[in-house]
Amino acid sequence: MSTILIIEDEPALTRILQSYLERDGYSVLTSSRGDTGYDLSLTKNVDLILLDLNLPGMDGLDIAREVRKQ
């Protein structure tokens, strides 16, 4: 089963995305903060990240850059 990480600070959007993805058989992790989302991306086996750009804790572009380095 593929795991998708959603890093999004809008709770309603996160719930909708999570609901649809889980219905389609994906395992979903979520974070509403950039820094905790980045930590999850390093510690969990994630196949895809859905990433907001403007996040508290760490900017989405910074997360993308750091994940690519890993």
N, C-alpha and C. Protein backbone atom coordinates (compact mmCIF):
# COMPACT_ATOMS: atom_id res chain seq x y z
N MET A 1 0.84 -1.18 0.00
CA MET A 1 0.00 0.00 0.00
C MET A 1 0.88 1.24 0.00
N SER A 2 0.58 2.18 -0.85
CA SER A 2 1.32 3.43 -0.93
C SER A 2 0.91 4.37 0.19
N THR A 3 1.89 5.12 0.68
CA THR A 3 1.63 6.09 1.74
C THR A 3 1.82 7.50 1.20
N ILE A 4 0.83 8.35 1.46
CA ILE A 4 0.85 9.74 1.04
C ILE A 4 0.89 10.63 2.27
N LEU A 5 1.78 11.59 2.28
CA LEU A 5 1.88 12.57 3.35
C LEU A 5 1.28 13.88 2.87
N ILE A 6 0.29 14.37 3.60
CA ILE A 6 -0.32 15.67 3.30
C ILE A 6 0.21 16.67 4.32
N ILE A 7 0.87 17.70 3.83
CA ILE A 7 1.34 18.78 4.71
C ILE A 7 0.54 20.02 4.30
N GLU A 8 -0.47 20.32 5.07
CA GLU A 8 -1.45 21.37 4.74
C GLU A 8 -1.99 21.95 6.04
N ASP A 9 -2.04 23.27 6.13
CA ASP A 9 -2.51 23.91 7.36
C ASP A 9 -4.00 24.26 7.36
N GLU A 10 -4.70 23.94 6.31
CA GLU A 10 -6.14 24.18 6.25
C GLU A 10 -6.85 22.86 6.59
N PRO A 11 -7.45 22.76 7.79
CA PRO A 11 -8.04 21.49 8.24
C PRO A 11 -9.12 20.92 7.31
N ALA A 12 -9.96 21.76 6.77
CA ALA A 12 -11.04 21.26 5.90
C ALA A 12 -10.47 20.63 4.63
N LEU A 13 -9.48 21.24 4.03
CA LEU A 13 -8.85 20.69 2.83
C LEU A 13 -8.15 19.38 3.15
N THR A 14 -7.46 19.34 4.28
CA THR A 14 -6.78 18.11 4.70
C THR A 14 -7.78 16.97 4.86
N ARG A 15 -8.90 17.23 5.52
CA ARG A 15 -9.92 16.18 5.72
C ARG A 15 -10.47 15.67 4.40
N ILE A 16 -10.74 16.57 3.47
CA ILE A 16 -11.28 16.16 2.17
C ILE A 16 -10.27 15.30 1.41
N LEU A 17 -9.03 15.77 1.32
CA LEU A 17 -8.00 15.01 0.63
C LEU A 17 -7.78 13.65 1.28
N GLN A 18 -7.70 13.64 2.59
CA GLN A 18 -7.48 12.39 3.31
C GLN A 18 -8.62 11.41 3.07
N SER A 19 -9.84 11.90 3.12
CA SER A 19 -11.01 11.04 2.91
C SER A 19 -10.98 10.39 1.53
N TYR A 20 -10.76 11.18 0.49
CA TYR A 20 -10.73 10.64 -0.87
C TYR A 20 -9.58 9.66 -1.07
N LEU A 21 -8.41 10.00 -0.56
CA LEU A 21 -7.25 9.14 -0.75
C LEU A 21 -7.41 7.81 0.00
N GLU A 22 -7.92 7.86 1.22
CA GLU A 22 -8.14 6.63 1.97
C GLU A 22 -9.22 5.77 1.32
N ARG A 23 -10.23 6.40 0.78
CA ARG A 23 -11.28 5.67 0.08
C ARG A 23 -10.71 4.92 -1.13
N ASP A 24 -9.69 5.51 -1.75
CA ASP A 24 -9.05 4.88 -2.90
C ASP A 24 -7.94 3.90 -2.51
N GLY A 25 -7.78 3.65 -1.23
CA GLY A 25 -6.87 2.61 -0.76
C GLY A 25 -5.50 3.06 -0.33
N TYR A 26 -5.25 4.35 -0.24
CA TYR A 26 -3.95 4.84 0.20
C TYR A 26 -3.90 4.97 1.72
N SER A 27 -2.72 4.79 2.25
CA SER A 27 -2.46 5.12 3.64
C SER A 27 -2.07 6.60 3.67
N VAL A 28 -2.63 7.37 4.60
CA VAL A 28 -2.42 8.82 4.60
C VAL A 28 -1.90 9.28 5.96
N LEU A 29 -0.83 10.04 5.92
CA LEU A 29 -0.31 10.75 7.09
C LEU A 29 -0.57 12.23 6.87
N THR A 30 -0.81 12.97 7.94
CA THR A 30 -1.06 14.41 7.80
C THR A 30 -0.26 15.21 8.82
N SER A 31 0.02 16.43 8.44
CA SER A 31 0.64 17.39 9.34
C SER A 31 0.14 18.78 8.96
N SER A 32 -0.13 19.59 9.96
CA SER A 32 -0.58 20.95 9.70
C SER A 32 0.56 21.96 9.83
N ARG A 33 1.76 21.47 10.15
CA ARG A 33 2.93 22.35 10.28
C ARG A 33 4.05 21.85 9.38
N GLY A 34 4.79 22.77 8.84
CA GLY A 34 5.88 22.41 7.95
C GLY A 34 6.99 21.63 8.64
N ASP A 35 7.37 22.07 9.83
CA ASP A 35 8.48 21.39 10.52
C ASP A 35 8.13 19.97 10.91
N THR A 36 6.92 19.74 11.41
CA THR A 36 6.54 18.37 11.78
C THR A 36 6.30 17.52 10.54
N GLY A 37 5.78 18.13 9.48
CA GLY A 37 5.62 17.41 8.23
C GLY A 37 6.95 16.98 7.65
N TYR A 38 7.93 17.85 7.72
CA TYR A 38 9.27 17.51 7.25
C TYR A 38 9.84 16.35 8.06
N ASP A 39 9.67 16.41 9.38
CA ASP A 39 10.14 15.31 10.23
C ASP A 39 9.48 13.99 9.84
N LEU A 40 8.17 14.01 9.57
CA LEU A 40 7.47 12.80 9.13
C LEU A 40 8.05 12.28 7.82
N SER A 41 8.38 13.18 6.92
CA SER A 41 8.93 12.75 5.63
C SER A 41 10.27 12.04 5.79
N LEU A 42 10.98 12.34 6.85
CA LEU A 42 12.28 11.71 7.10
C LEU A 42 12.16 10.40 7.87
N THR A 43 11.13 10.27 8.69
CA THR A 43 11.03 9.12 9.59
C THR A 43 10.05 8.05 9.10
N LYS A 44 9.19 8.37 8.18
CA LYS A 44 8.21 7.42 7.66
C LYS A 44 8.53 7.10 6.20
N ASN A 45 8.11 5.95 5.76
CA ASN A 45 8.31 5.54 4.37
C ASN A 45 7.17 6.13 3.54
N VAL A 46 7.40 7.30 2.97
CA VAL A 46 6.37 8.05 2.25
C VAL A 46 6.64 7.95 0.74
N ASP A 47 5.58 7.64 -0.02
CA ASP A 47 5.71 7.53 -1.47
C ASP A 47 5.43 8.85 -2.20
N LEU A 48 4.61 9.71 -1.59
CA LEU A 48 4.23 10.97 -2.22
C LEU A 48 3.93 11.99 -1.14
N ILE A 49 4.30 13.24 -1.39
CA ILE A 49 3.99 14.33 -0.46
C ILE A 49 3.12 15.35 -1.20
N LEU A 50 1.96 15.64 -0.63
CA LEU A 50 1.13 16.76 -1.10
C LEU A 50 1.45 17.91 -0.18
N LEU A 51 2.01 18.98 -0.74
CA LEU A 51 2.65 20.01 0.06
C LEU A 51 2.09 21.39 -0.23
N ASP A 52 1.64 22.06 0.82
CA ASP A 52 1.24 23.47 0.74
C ASP A 52 2.52 24.31 0.78
N LEU A 53 2.49 25.49 0.20
CA LEU A 53 3.67 26.34 0.19
C LEU A 53 3.79 27.21 1.43
N ASN A 54 2.69 27.82 1.86
CA ASN A 54 2.72 28.72 3.01
C ASN A 54 2.28 27.96 4.25
N LEU A 55 3.26 27.56 5.06
CA LEU A 55 3.00 26.75 6.24
C LEU A 55 3.66 27.36 7.47
N PRO A 56 3.06 27.14 8.63
CA PRO A 56 3.74 27.55 9.86
C PRO A 56 4.88 26.58 10.17
N GLY A 57 5.94 27.07 10.76
CA GLY A 57 7.03 26.22 11.19
C GLY A 57 8.14 26.05 10.17
N MET A 58 7.78 25.83 8.91
CA MET A 58 8.77 25.67 7.84
C MET A 58 8.04 25.86 6.52
N ASP A 59 8.59 26.66 5.65
CA ASP A 59 7.98 26.96 4.36
C ASP A 59 7.98 25.73 3.46
N GLY A 60 6.94 25.58 2.65
CA GLY A 60 6.82 24.44 1.75
C GLY A 60 7.96 24.31 0.75
N LEU A 61 8.45 25.43 0.24
CA LEU A 61 9.58 25.37 -0.69
C LEU A 61 10.85 24.87 0.00
N ASP A 62 11.04 25.27 1.25
CA ASP A 62 12.19 24.78 2.01
C ASP A 62 12.07 23.27 2.25
N ILE A 63 10.86 22.81 2.53
CA ILE A 63 10.64 21.37 2.72
C ILE A 63 11.00 20.63 1.43
N ALA A 64 10.51 21.11 0.31
CA ALA A 64 10.78 20.45 -0.97
C ALA A 64 12.28 20.39 -1.25
N ARG A 65 12.98 21.46 -0.98
CA ARG A 65 14.43 21.49 -1.21
C ARG A 65 15.15 20.47 -0.32
N GLU A 66 14.76 20.45 0.96
CA GLU A 66 15.42 19.55 1.90
C GLU A 66 15.10 18.08 1.59
N VAL A 67 13.88 17.79 1.21
CA VAL A 67 13.52 16.41 0.87
C VAL A 67 14.29 15.95 -0.36
N ARG A 68 14.43 16.81 -1.32
CA ARG A 68 15.19 16.46 -2.53
C ARG A 68 16.65 16.16 -2.21
N LYS A 69 17.21 16.87 -1.24
CA LYS A 69 18.60 16.62 -0.82
C LYS A 69 18.75 15.23 -0.21
N GLN A 70 17.70 14.78 0.47
CA GLN A 70 17.74 13.47 1.13
C GLN A 70 17.68 12.38 0.10
